[in-house]
N, C-alpha and C. Protein backbone atom coordinates (compact mmCIF):
# COMPACT_ATOMS: atom_id res chain seq x y z
N MET A 1 -20.47 19.73 25.39
CA MET A 1 -20.76 18.80 24.53
C MET A 1 -22.74 18.96 24.14
N THR A 2 -22.69 18.70 23.12
CA THR A 2 -24.22 18.70 22.94
C THR A 2 -24.60 17.07 23.24
N PRO A 3 -25.74 16.68 23.77
CA PRO A 3 -26.26 15.53 24.12
C PRO A 3 -26.58 14.77 22.97
N ALA A 4 -26.16 13.65 23.36
CA ALA A 4 -26.80 12.42 22.02
C ALA A 4 -27.97 12.46 21.85
N PRO A 5 -28.37 12.36 20.62
CA PRO A 5 -29.81 12.32 19.97
C PRO A 5 -30.54 11.02 20.75
N GLN A 6 -31.88 11.60 20.76
CA GLN A 6 -33.04 10.67 21.61
C GLN A 6 -33.86 10.05 20.64
N SER A 7 -34.46 8.96 20.18
CA SER A 7 -35.26 8.31 19.79
C SER A 7 -35.32 8.97 18.09
N GLY A 8 -33.96 8.45 17.76
CA GLY A 8 -33.83 9.09 16.47
C GLY A 8 -34.05 10.37 15.79
N ALA A 9 -34.16 11.36 16.75
CA ALA A 9 -33.98 12.82 16.86
C ALA A 9 -32.48 13.68 16.66
N ALA A 10 -32.10 14.35 15.74
CA ALA A 10 -31.10 15.03 15.59
C ALA A 10 -30.43 15.80 16.83
N PRO A 11 -29.09 15.72 17.42
CA PRO A 11 -28.81 16.42 18.60
C PRO A 11 -29.17 18.10 18.54
N ALA A 12 -29.68 18.87 19.53
CA ALA A 12 -29.96 19.95 19.58
C ALA A 12 -28.74 20.52 19.30
N LEU A 13 -28.55 22.03 18.75
CA LEU A 13 -27.35 22.57 18.48
C LEU A 13 -27.37 24.20 18.85
N ARG A 14 -26.12 24.58 19.76
CA ARG A 14 -26.20 25.67 20.12
C ARG A 14 -25.04 26.05 19.66
N PRO A 15 -25.11 27.51 18.57
CA PRO A 15 -24.37 27.81 18.25
C PRO A 15 -22.78 28.06 18.92
N ASP A 16 -22.43 28.11 20.14
CA ASP A 16 -21.44 28.20 20.50
C ASP A 16 -20.55 27.05 20.58
N ASP A 17 -21.37 25.79 20.73
CA ASP A 17 -20.29 24.16 20.98
C ASP A 17 -19.90 24.09 19.55
N HIS A 18 -19.67 24.15 18.52
CA HIS A 18 -18.78 24.15 17.85
C HIS A 18 -18.56 24.97 16.66
N PRO A 19 -17.45 25.32 15.79
CA PRO A 19 -17.03 26.27 15.04
C PRO A 19 -17.50 25.13 13.92
N ALA A 20 -17.97 26.02 12.49
CA ALA A 20 -18.79 25.52 11.18
C ALA A 20 -17.43 24.68 10.84
N THR A 21 -17.60 23.70 10.32
CA THR A 21 -16.39 22.57 9.76
C THR A 21 -16.96 21.98 8.53
N THR A 22 -16.16 21.75 7.64
CA THR A 22 -16.81 21.07 6.53
C THR A 22 -16.13 19.67 6.46
N ALA A 23 -17.24 18.91 6.43
CA ALA A 23 -16.93 17.09 6.31
C ALA A 23 -17.57 16.91 4.94
N TYR A 24 -16.84 15.67 4.50
CA TYR A 24 -17.14 14.66 3.58
C TYR A 24 -17.95 13.42 4.19
N ILE A 25 -19.19 13.04 3.77
CA ILE A 25 -19.69 12.01 4.19
C ILE A 25 -20.16 11.09 3.01
N GLY A 26 -19.73 9.75 2.91
CA GLY A 26 -19.81 8.90 2.01
C GLY A 26 -21.40 8.35 2.66
N LEU A 27 -21.79 8.05 1.28
CA LEU A 27 -23.33 7.40 1.36
C LEU A 27 -23.66 5.79 0.36
N GLY A 28 -24.25 4.84 0.87
CA GLY A 28 -24.04 3.44 0.15
C GLY A 28 -25.26 3.08 0.43
N ALA A 29 -25.75 2.39 -0.35
CA ALA A 29 -27.39 1.28 -0.31
C ALA A 29 -27.01 0.29 -1.29
N ASN A 30 -27.32 -0.91 -0.85
CA ASN A 30 -27.47 -2.07 -2.07
C ASN A 30 -28.62 -2.88 -1.61
N LEU A 31 -30.03 -2.56 -0.70
CA LEU A 31 -30.95 -3.02 -0.43
C LEU A 31 -32.37 -2.52 -0.86
N GLY A 32 -33.30 -2.59 -1.33
CA GLY A 32 -34.37 -1.74 -1.70
C GLY A 32 -34.26 -0.66 -2.49
N ASP A 33 -34.97 0.56 -2.77
CA ASP A 33 -34.58 1.25 -3.52
C ASP A 33 -33.33 2.20 -3.71
N ALA A 34 -31.98 1.45 -3.96
CA ALA A 34 -30.74 2.36 -3.15
C ALA A 34 -31.28 3.90 -3.50
N ALA A 35 -31.01 3.70 -4.70
CA ALA A 35 -30.93 5.13 -5.13
C ALA A 35 -31.87 6.65 -4.37
N ALA A 36 -33.33 5.83 -4.18
CA ALA A 36 -34.00 6.97 -3.39
C ALA A 36 -33.57 7.06 -1.84
N ALA A 37 -33.32 5.55 -1.70
CA ALA A 37 -32.73 5.92 0.20
C ALA A 37 -31.54 6.85 0.09
N LEU A 38 -30.49 6.97 -0.65
CA LEU A 38 -29.61 7.83 -1.09
C LEU A 38 -29.96 9.41 -0.76
N GLY A 39 -30.84 9.33 -1.93
CA GLY A 39 -31.43 10.80 -2.20
C GLY A 39 -32.60 11.19 -0.75
N ALA A 40 -32.97 10.80 -0.24
CA ALA A 40 -33.53 10.93 1.22
C ALA A 40 -32.49 11.35 2.45
N ALA A 41 -31.41 10.10 2.21
CA ALA A 41 -30.83 10.66 3.53
C ALA A 41 -29.64 11.79 3.15
N ALA A 42 -29.70 12.30 1.81
CA ALA A 42 -28.88 13.66 1.23
C ALA A 42 -29.83 14.87 1.99
N ARG A 43 -31.06 14.67 1.54
CA ARG A 43 -31.75 15.54 2.28
C ARG A 43 -32.02 15.61 3.62
N THR A 44 -32.27 14.68 4.48
CA THR A 44 -32.06 14.19 5.71
C THR A 44 -30.97 15.12 6.54
N ILE A 45 -29.69 14.81 5.76
CA ILE A 45 -28.58 15.49 6.21
C ILE A 45 -28.18 16.82 6.31
N HIS A 46 -29.18 17.45 4.72
CA HIS A 46 -29.15 18.98 4.59
C HIS A 46 -30.14 19.70 5.53
N ALA A 47 -31.58 18.83 6.31
CA ALA A 47 -32.17 19.43 7.27
C ALA A 47 -31.84 19.02 8.51
N LEU A 48 -30.17 18.32 8.88
CA LEU A 48 -29.71 18.76 10.52
C LEU A 48 -29.61 20.06 11.08
N PRO A 49 -29.46 20.19 12.18
CA PRO A 49 -29.51 21.79 12.76
C PRO A 49 -27.98 22.36 12.53
N GLY A 50 -27.80 22.86 11.87
CA GLY A 50 -26.50 23.78 11.43
C GLY A 50 -25.72 23.01 10.81
N THR A 51 -26.61 22.31 9.70
CA THR A 51 -25.74 21.69 8.33
C THR A 51 -26.27 21.50 7.19
N ARG A 52 -25.59 22.06 6.12
CA ARG A 52 -25.75 21.97 4.73
C ARG A 52 -25.84 21.70 3.87
N VAL A 53 -25.77 20.72 3.00
CA VAL A 53 -25.17 19.72 1.83
C VAL A 53 -24.63 21.19 1.07
N LEU A 54 -23.23 21.08 0.75
CA LEU A 54 -22.78 22.15 -0.22
C LEU A 54 -22.73 21.60 -1.42
N HIS A 55 -22.36 20.07 -1.58
CA HIS A 55 -21.88 19.52 -3.08
C HIS A 55 -22.35 18.47 -2.96
N ALA A 56 -22.84 17.47 -4.15
CA ALA A 56 -22.95 16.12 -3.95
C ALA A 56 -22.78 15.59 -5.27
N SER A 57 -22.02 14.26 -5.02
CA SER A 57 -21.45 13.89 -6.56
C SER A 57 -22.36 12.86 -6.99
N SER A 58 -22.07 12.49 -8.51
CA SER A 58 -22.76 11.72 -9.20
C SER A 58 -22.88 10.44 -8.49
N LEU A 59 -23.90 9.86 -8.79
CA LEU A 59 -24.54 8.62 -8.04
C LEU A 59 -23.52 7.27 -8.72
N TYR A 60 -22.79 6.65 -8.23
CA TYR A 60 -22.09 4.95 -8.71
C TYR A 60 -22.83 4.16 -8.17
N ARG A 61 -22.57 3.05 -8.78
CA ARG A 61 -22.92 1.74 -8.89
C ARG A 61 -21.50 0.85 -8.87
N SER A 62 -21.23 -0.07 -7.57
CA SER A 62 -20.44 -0.90 -7.70
C SER A 62 -20.84 -2.27 -6.99
N ALA A 63 -19.88 -3.16 -7.23
CA ALA A 63 -20.43 -5.14 -6.67
C ALA A 63 -19.68 -4.87 -5.00
N PRO A 64 -20.35 -5.30 -4.04
CA PRO A 64 -19.55 -5.10 -2.79
C PRO A 64 -18.49 -5.54 -2.69
N VAL A 65 -17.79 -4.91 -2.07
CA VAL A 65 -16.31 -5.37 -1.48
C VAL A 65 -16.03 -6.27 -0.21
N ASP A 66 -15.40 -6.91 0.03
CA ASP A 66 -15.86 -7.95 1.51
C ASP A 66 -16.69 -8.14 1.65
N ALA A 67 -17.73 -8.45 0.68
CA ALA A 67 -19.30 -9.24 1.14
C ALA A 67 -19.59 -9.48 -0.20
N THR A 68 -21.10 -10.17 0.08
CA THR A 68 -21.81 -10.33 -0.76
C THR A 68 -23.20 -9.84 -1.14
N GLY A 69 -24.18 -10.09 -1.92
CA GLY A 69 -25.23 -9.33 -2.11
C GLY A 69 -25.44 -8.51 -3.37
N PRO A 70 -26.39 -7.69 -3.55
CA PRO A 70 -26.43 -6.79 -4.71
C PRO A 70 -25.67 -5.82 -4.89
N ASP A 71 -25.38 -5.34 -6.09
CA ASP A 71 -24.56 -4.07 -6.16
C ASP A 71 -25.07 -2.94 -4.90
N TYR A 72 -23.96 -2.24 -4.83
CA TYR A 72 -24.12 -0.73 -4.10
C TYR A 72 -24.51 0.40 -5.14
N HIS A 73 -25.61 1.45 -4.27
CA HIS A 73 -24.87 2.89 -4.99
C HIS A 73 -24.39 3.54 -4.13
N ASN A 74 -23.66 4.51 -4.49
CA ASN A 74 -22.92 5.27 -3.39
C ASN A 74 -22.72 6.47 -4.10
N ALA A 75 -22.49 7.66 -3.30
CA ALA A 75 -22.22 9.12 -3.59
C ALA A 75 -21.90 9.44 -2.14
N VAL A 76 -20.79 10.66 -2.53
CA VAL A 76 -20.22 11.38 -1.56
C VAL A 76 -21.15 12.91 -1.78
N VAL A 77 -21.49 13.34 -0.42
CA VAL A 77 -22.13 15.09 0.21
C VAL A 77 -20.50 15.38 0.79
N ALA A 78 -20.47 16.66 0.02
CA ALA A 78 -19.78 17.62 1.53
C ALA A 78 -20.83 18.64 2.12
N VAL A 79 -20.61 18.62 3.30
CA VAL A 79 -21.64 19.45 3.96
C VAL A 79 -20.68 20.61 4.77
N ARG A 80 -21.48 21.50 5.45
CA ARG A 80 -20.52 22.61 6.01
C ARG A 80 -21.20 22.58 7.44
N THR A 81 -21.03 21.80 8.41
CA THR A 81 -21.86 21.67 10.05
C THR A 81 -21.14 22.11 11.01
N ALA A 82 -21.92 22.80 11.73
CA ALA A 82 -21.76 23.23 13.48
C ALA A 82 -21.78 22.01 14.31
N LEU A 83 -22.04 20.94 14.03
CA LEU A 83 -22.32 19.76 14.79
C LEU A 83 -20.95 19.24 15.25
N ALA A 84 -20.54 19.16 16.76
CA ALA A 84 -19.29 18.45 16.45
C ALA A 84 -19.26 17.12 15.71
N PRO A 85 -17.59 16.61 15.59
CA PRO A 85 -18.04 14.76 15.03
C PRO A 85 -18.40 14.00 15.77
N HIS A 86 -18.56 13.84 16.65
CA HIS A 86 -19.49 12.86 17.23
C HIS A 86 -21.23 12.97 17.40
N ASP A 87 -21.36 14.01 17.75
CA ASP A 87 -22.72 14.60 17.02
C ASP A 87 -23.27 14.50 15.88
N LEU A 88 -22.43 14.77 14.93
CA LEU A 88 -22.62 14.26 13.51
C LEU A 88 -22.65 12.83 12.98
N LEU A 89 -21.93 12.08 13.66
CA LEU A 89 -21.86 10.71 13.79
C LEU A 89 -23.37 10.07 14.18
N SER A 90 -23.91 10.47 15.53
CA SER A 90 -24.80 10.13 16.06
C SER A 90 -26.30 10.18 15.37
N ALA A 91 -26.20 11.45 14.45
CA ALA A 91 -27.01 12.08 13.25
C ALA A 91 -27.58 11.08 12.35
N LEU A 92 -26.09 10.86 11.85
CA LEU A 92 -26.13 10.08 10.95
C LEU A 92 -26.56 8.51 11.04
N GLN A 93 -26.09 8.21 12.17
CA GLN A 93 -26.52 7.01 12.79
C GLN A 93 -28.11 6.44 12.93
N ALA A 94 -28.55 7.68 13.32
CA ALA A 94 -29.92 8.05 13.61
C ALA A 94 -30.84 7.71 12.08
N ILE A 95 -30.48 8.46 11.38
CA ILE A 95 -30.62 8.58 9.88
C ILE A 95 -30.63 7.14 9.26
N GLU A 96 -30.05 6.56 9.71
CA GLU A 96 -29.25 4.92 8.90
C GLU A 96 -30.77 4.11 9.57
N ALA A 97 -30.89 4.40 11.16
CA ALA A 97 -31.91 3.81 11.96
C ALA A 97 -33.23 3.93 11.12
N ALA A 98 -33.31 4.82 11.00
CA ALA A 98 -34.74 5.70 10.25
C ALA A 98 -35.06 4.87 8.98
N ALA A 99 -33.88 4.27 8.38
CA ALA A 99 -33.80 4.21 6.99
C ALA A 99 -34.10 2.22 6.71
N GLY A 100 -34.05 1.71 8.31
CA GLY A 100 -34.40 0.44 8.49
C GLY A 100 -32.75 -0.25 8.42
N ARG A 101 -31.44 0.38 8.72
CA ARG A 101 -30.28 -0.09 8.72
C ARG A 101 -30.33 -1.13 9.65
N GLU A 102 -29.67 -2.39 9.70
CA GLU A 102 -29.79 -3.56 10.63
C GLU A 102 -28.13 -3.72 10.67
N ARG A 103 -27.65 -4.07 11.70
CA ARG A 103 -26.18 -4.67 11.76
C ARG A 103 -26.20 -6.10 11.93
N PRO A 104 -26.41 -7.09 11.30
CA PRO A 104 -26.29 -8.52 11.96
C PRO A 104 -25.11 -8.81 11.87
N TYR A 105 -24.05 -8.68 11.05
CA TYR A 105 -22.73 -9.19 10.76
C TYR A 105 -22.20 -7.71 9.72
N ARG A 106 -20.84 -8.03 10.39
CA ARG A 106 -19.74 -6.75 9.83
C ARG A 106 -20.09 -7.36 7.81
N ASN A 107 -19.95 -5.91 7.15
CA ASN A 107 -20.48 -6.09 5.76
C ASN A 107 -21.79 -6.38 4.88
N ALA A 108 -22.87 -6.74 6.27
CA ALA A 108 -23.95 -6.93 5.69
C ALA A 108 -24.43 -6.23 4.91
N PRO A 109 -25.34 -6.19 3.53
CA PRO A 109 -26.02 -6.01 2.86
C PRO A 109 -26.68 -4.87 3.63
N ARG A 110 -27.08 -3.43 3.10
CA ARG A 110 -28.12 -2.49 3.94
C ARG A 110 -28.59 -1.79 3.38
N THR A 111 -29.56 -1.33 4.04
CA THR A 111 -30.37 -0.19 3.44
C THR A 111 -30.03 1.01 3.15
N LEU A 112 -29.09 1.38 4.02
CA LEU A 112 -27.96 2.59 4.48
C LEU A 112 -27.05 2.61 4.92
N ASP A 113 -25.84 3.34 4.54
CA ASP A 113 -24.72 3.44 5.09
C ASP A 113 -24.32 4.83 5.06
N LEU A 114 -23.97 5.38 5.99
CA LEU A 114 -23.64 7.05 6.17
C LEU A 114 -21.84 6.74 6.76
N ASP A 115 -20.79 7.56 5.88
CA ASP A 115 -20.01 7.33 6.91
C ASP A 115 -19.12 8.83 6.51
N ILE A 116 -18.42 9.25 7.80
CA ILE A 116 -17.52 10.31 7.90
C ILE A 116 -16.54 9.94 7.24
N LEU A 117 -16.12 10.44 5.78
CA LEU A 117 -15.27 10.30 5.35
C LEU A 117 -13.83 11.19 5.80
N PHE A 118 -13.94 12.57 6.10
CA PHE A 118 -12.81 13.90 6.83
C PHE A 118 -14.09 14.54 7.17
N PHE A 119 -13.41 15.05 8.28
CA PHE A 119 -14.09 16.21 9.14
C PHE A 119 -12.67 17.66 9.65
N GLY A 120 -12.97 18.44 8.32
CA GLY A 120 -12.20 19.34 8.58
C GLY A 120 -10.76 18.68 8.36
N GLU A 121 -10.02 18.90 8.91
CA GLU A 121 -8.47 18.82 9.10
C GLU A 121 -8.20 17.86 10.31
N GLN A 122 -9.12 17.52 11.08
CA GLN A 122 -9.02 17.01 12.29
C GLN A 122 -8.70 15.27 11.98
N VAL A 123 -7.92 14.67 12.94
CA VAL A 123 -7.51 13.28 12.94
C VAL A 123 -8.23 13.07 14.49
N ILE A 124 -9.01 11.99 14.35
CA ILE A 124 -9.99 11.34 15.51
C ILE A 124 -9.72 9.89 15.20
N ASP A 125 -9.46 9.70 16.15
CA ASP A 125 -9.25 8.09 16.75
C ASP A 125 -9.88 7.87 18.40
N THR A 126 -11.36 7.25 18.30
CA THR A 126 -11.85 6.64 19.51
C THR A 126 -12.47 5.73 18.92
N PRO A 127 -12.92 4.93 19.77
CA PRO A 127 -13.77 3.80 19.67
C PRO A 127 -14.72 3.57 19.28
N THR A 128 -15.47 4.97 18.94
CA THR A 128 -16.60 4.96 18.22
C THR A 128 -16.48 5.70 16.95
N LEU A 129 -15.58 6.16 16.45
CA LEU A 129 -15.20 6.86 15.15
C LEU A 129 -13.37 7.29 15.00
N THR A 130 -13.37 7.03 13.40
CA THR A 130 -11.99 7.41 13.19
C THR A 130 -12.20 7.98 11.99
N VAL A 131 -11.62 8.92 11.95
CA VAL A 131 -11.18 10.16 11.05
C VAL A 131 -9.99 10.68 10.69
N PRO A 132 -9.46 10.55 9.11
CA PRO A 132 -10.20 10.11 8.13
C PRO A 132 -10.55 8.67 8.10
N HIS A 133 -11.66 8.46 7.52
CA HIS A 133 -12.08 6.61 7.38
C HIS A 133 -11.14 6.00 7.34
N PRO A 134 -11.03 4.91 8.13
CA PRO A 134 -9.76 4.13 7.64
C PRO A 134 -9.50 3.37 6.45
N ARG A 135 -10.89 3.39 5.91
CA ARG A 135 -10.66 2.69 4.66
C ARG A 135 -10.71 3.42 3.11
N LEU A 136 -10.79 4.48 3.60
CA LEU A 136 -11.38 5.34 2.05
C LEU A 136 -10.19 5.01 1.35
N ARG A 137 -9.06 4.77 1.21
CA ARG A 137 -8.07 5.08 0.58
C ARG A 137 -8.21 3.78 -0.45
N GLU A 138 -8.91 2.84 0.29
CA GLU A 138 -8.94 1.24 -0.31
C GLU A 138 -10.15 0.93 -1.35
N ARG A 139 -11.07 1.85 -1.71
CA ARG A 139 -12.22 2.09 -2.32
C ARG A 139 -12.56 2.97 -3.07
N ALA A 140 -13.13 2.56 -4.41
CA ALA A 140 -13.01 3.23 -5.65
C ALA A 140 -14.40 3.96 -5.45
N PHE A 141 -15.20 3.09 -4.86
CA PHE A 141 -16.70 3.63 -4.30
C PHE A 141 -16.82 4.79 -3.50
N VAL A 142 -15.65 4.74 -2.67
CA VAL A 142 -15.48 6.30 -1.75
C VAL A 142 -14.66 7.46 -2.31
N LEU A 143 -13.38 6.91 -3.27
CA LEU A 143 -12.56 7.86 -4.08
C LEU A 143 -13.05 8.60 -5.06
N LEU A 144 -13.67 7.85 -5.92
CA LEU A 144 -14.17 8.92 -7.34
C LEU A 144 -15.15 9.36 -6.96
N PRO A 145 -16.24 9.26 -6.29
CA PRO A 145 -16.98 10.33 -5.81
C PRO A 145 -16.82 11.41 -5.11
N LEU A 146 -15.78 11.20 -4.35
CA LEU A 146 -15.04 11.83 -3.31
C LEU A 146 -14.21 13.44 -4.59
N ALA A 147 -13.54 12.26 -5.35
CA ALA A 147 -12.82 13.18 -6.36
C ALA A 147 -13.40 14.24 -7.19
N GLU A 148 -14.49 13.45 -7.31
CA GLU A 148 -15.58 14.32 -8.05
C GLU A 148 -15.96 15.83 -7.55
N ILE A 149 -16.26 15.79 -6.49
CA ILE A 149 -16.47 17.23 -5.98
C ILE A 149 -15.62 17.66 -4.93
N ALA A 150 -14.34 17.06 -4.52
CA ALA A 150 -13.21 17.66 -3.87
C ALA A 150 -11.90 16.83 -4.06
N PRO A 151 -11.73 17.26 -5.54
CA PRO A 151 -10.42 16.47 -6.02
C PRO A 151 -8.90 16.99 -5.00
N GLU A 152 -9.27 17.84 -4.47
CA GLU A 152 -7.97 18.10 -3.17
C GLU A 152 -7.79 17.09 -2.34
N GLN A 153 -8.87 16.42 -1.71
CA GLN A 153 -8.82 15.75 -0.54
C GLN A 153 -8.60 14.34 -1.21
N VAL A 154 -8.47 13.52 -2.26
CA VAL A 154 -7.62 12.70 -3.13
C VAL A 154 -6.59 12.61 -3.47
N ARG A 155 -5.36 11.48 -2.88
CA ARG A 155 -3.97 11.72 -3.70
C ARG A 155 -4.50 10.91 -5.34
N PRO A 156 -3.45 11.23 -6.37
CA PRO A 156 -3.51 10.52 -7.08
C PRO A 156 -3.31 9.10 -7.23
N GLU A 157 -1.97 8.40 -6.12
CA GLU A 157 -1.69 7.65 -5.89
C GLU A 157 -2.74 6.70 -5.01
N TRP A 158 -3.60 7.28 -4.78
CA TRP A 158 -4.24 6.57 -4.20
C TRP A 158 -5.92 6.00 -4.59
N LEU A 159 -5.82 6.75 -6.04
CA LEU A 159 -6.88 6.44 -7.28
C LEU A 159 -5.99 5.43 -8.00
N GLU A 160 -4.64 5.54 -8.11
CA GLU A 160 -4.18 3.94 -8.92
C GLU A 160 -4.00 3.36 -7.90
N ALA A 161 -4.21 3.36 -6.99
CA ALA A 161 -4.50 1.57 -5.88
C ALA A 161 -5.87 1.15 -6.27
N VAL A 162 -6.70 1.67 -6.88
CA VAL A 162 -8.24 1.33 -6.63
C VAL A 162 -8.65 0.92 -8.05
N GLN A 163 -7.49 1.36 -9.03
CA GLN A 163 -7.99 1.19 -10.54
C GLN A 163 -8.59 0.08 -11.00
N ASP A 164 -8.30 -1.07 -10.50
CA ASP A 164 -8.70 -2.01 -11.09
C ASP A 164 -10.26 -2.81 -10.58
N GLN A 165 -10.50 -1.87 -9.08
CA GLN A 165 -11.88 -1.86 -8.80
C GLN A 165 -13.05 -1.13 -9.91
N HIS A 166 -13.94 -2.29 -10.15
CA HIS A 166 -15.09 -1.73 -10.96
C HIS A 166 -16.16 -0.74 -10.98
N ILE A 167 -16.14 0.26 -11.22
CA ILE A 167 -17.53 1.12 -10.67
C ILE A 167 -18.04 2.01 -11.63
N GLU A 168 -19.20 2.14 -11.61
CA GLU A 168 -19.92 3.09 -12.89
C GLU A 168 -20.83 3.89 -12.56
N LYS A 169 -20.36 4.94 -13.47
CA LYS A 169 -21.08 6.35 -12.80
C LYS A 169 -22.25 6.10 -13.51
N LEU A 170 -23.41 6.62 -12.78
CA LEU A 170 -25.10 6.66 -13.34
C LEU A 170 -25.35 7.98 -13.53
N ALA A 171 -26.17 7.85 -14.66
CA ALA A 171 -26.94 8.93 -14.69
C ALA A 171 -27.94 9.41 -14.14
N THR A 172 -28.44 8.72 -13.18
CA THR A 172 -29.55 8.89 -12.21
C THR A 172 -29.24 9.91 -11.57
N VAL A 173 -30.39 10.87 -11.42
CA VAL A 173 -30.58 12.14 -10.70
C VAL A 173 -31.01 11.24 -9.20
N TRP A 174 -30.73 11.57 -8.62
CA TRP A 174 -30.64 11.07 -6.99
C TRP A 174 -30.98 11.99 -5.72
N CYS A 175 -30.38 13.02 -5.50
CA CYS A 175 -30.48 14.19 -4.34
C CYS A 175 -31.16 15.36 -5.21
N GLU A 176 -32.51 15.00 -5.99
CA GLU A 176 -33.22 16.56 -5.91
C GLU A 176 -33.60 17.35 -4.90
N GLY A 177 -33.95 18.50 -4.94
CA GLY A 177 -34.57 19.21 -3.67
C GLY A 177 -33.29 19.57 -2.56
N LEU A 178 -32.14 19.81 -3.10
CA LEU A 178 -31.29 20.42 -1.78
C LEU A 178 -30.97 21.84 -2.27
């Protein structure tokens, strides 16, 4: 296993560590320039060792769920990565920290939130990582962008269950340079 990143650096990647896998990552932010933060995060994810962004959804705006604060901007990216799941999680948490992410309480407003939604076909349930993401079926802000780039990952009944959640697709270009 590749060691955890130090000082916000991405983990070193050795080609034999892990076969490349397609993963889906949810991106969200509701503090500062959220669209710019998501764009910077997508470019940083694209630059991770052995990782490339394959597809990016449109940018969406929605009210916070189970929280207060400004509206969120959300998107989903599909990546192809040779990082192991926990190494990808560590890299994403380092990107969040570099963007000023703080975790003062559950569902606090955030400068950046990066969640692994799916990691290939793997089912992971550890104290630090649960995949598929445990609440993705309850969140329109995850399901709509995910359905846009990977409709096979989203069941119609999941979309039906969140149809009453207000979400707005934005015309903003948010991930230039990928």
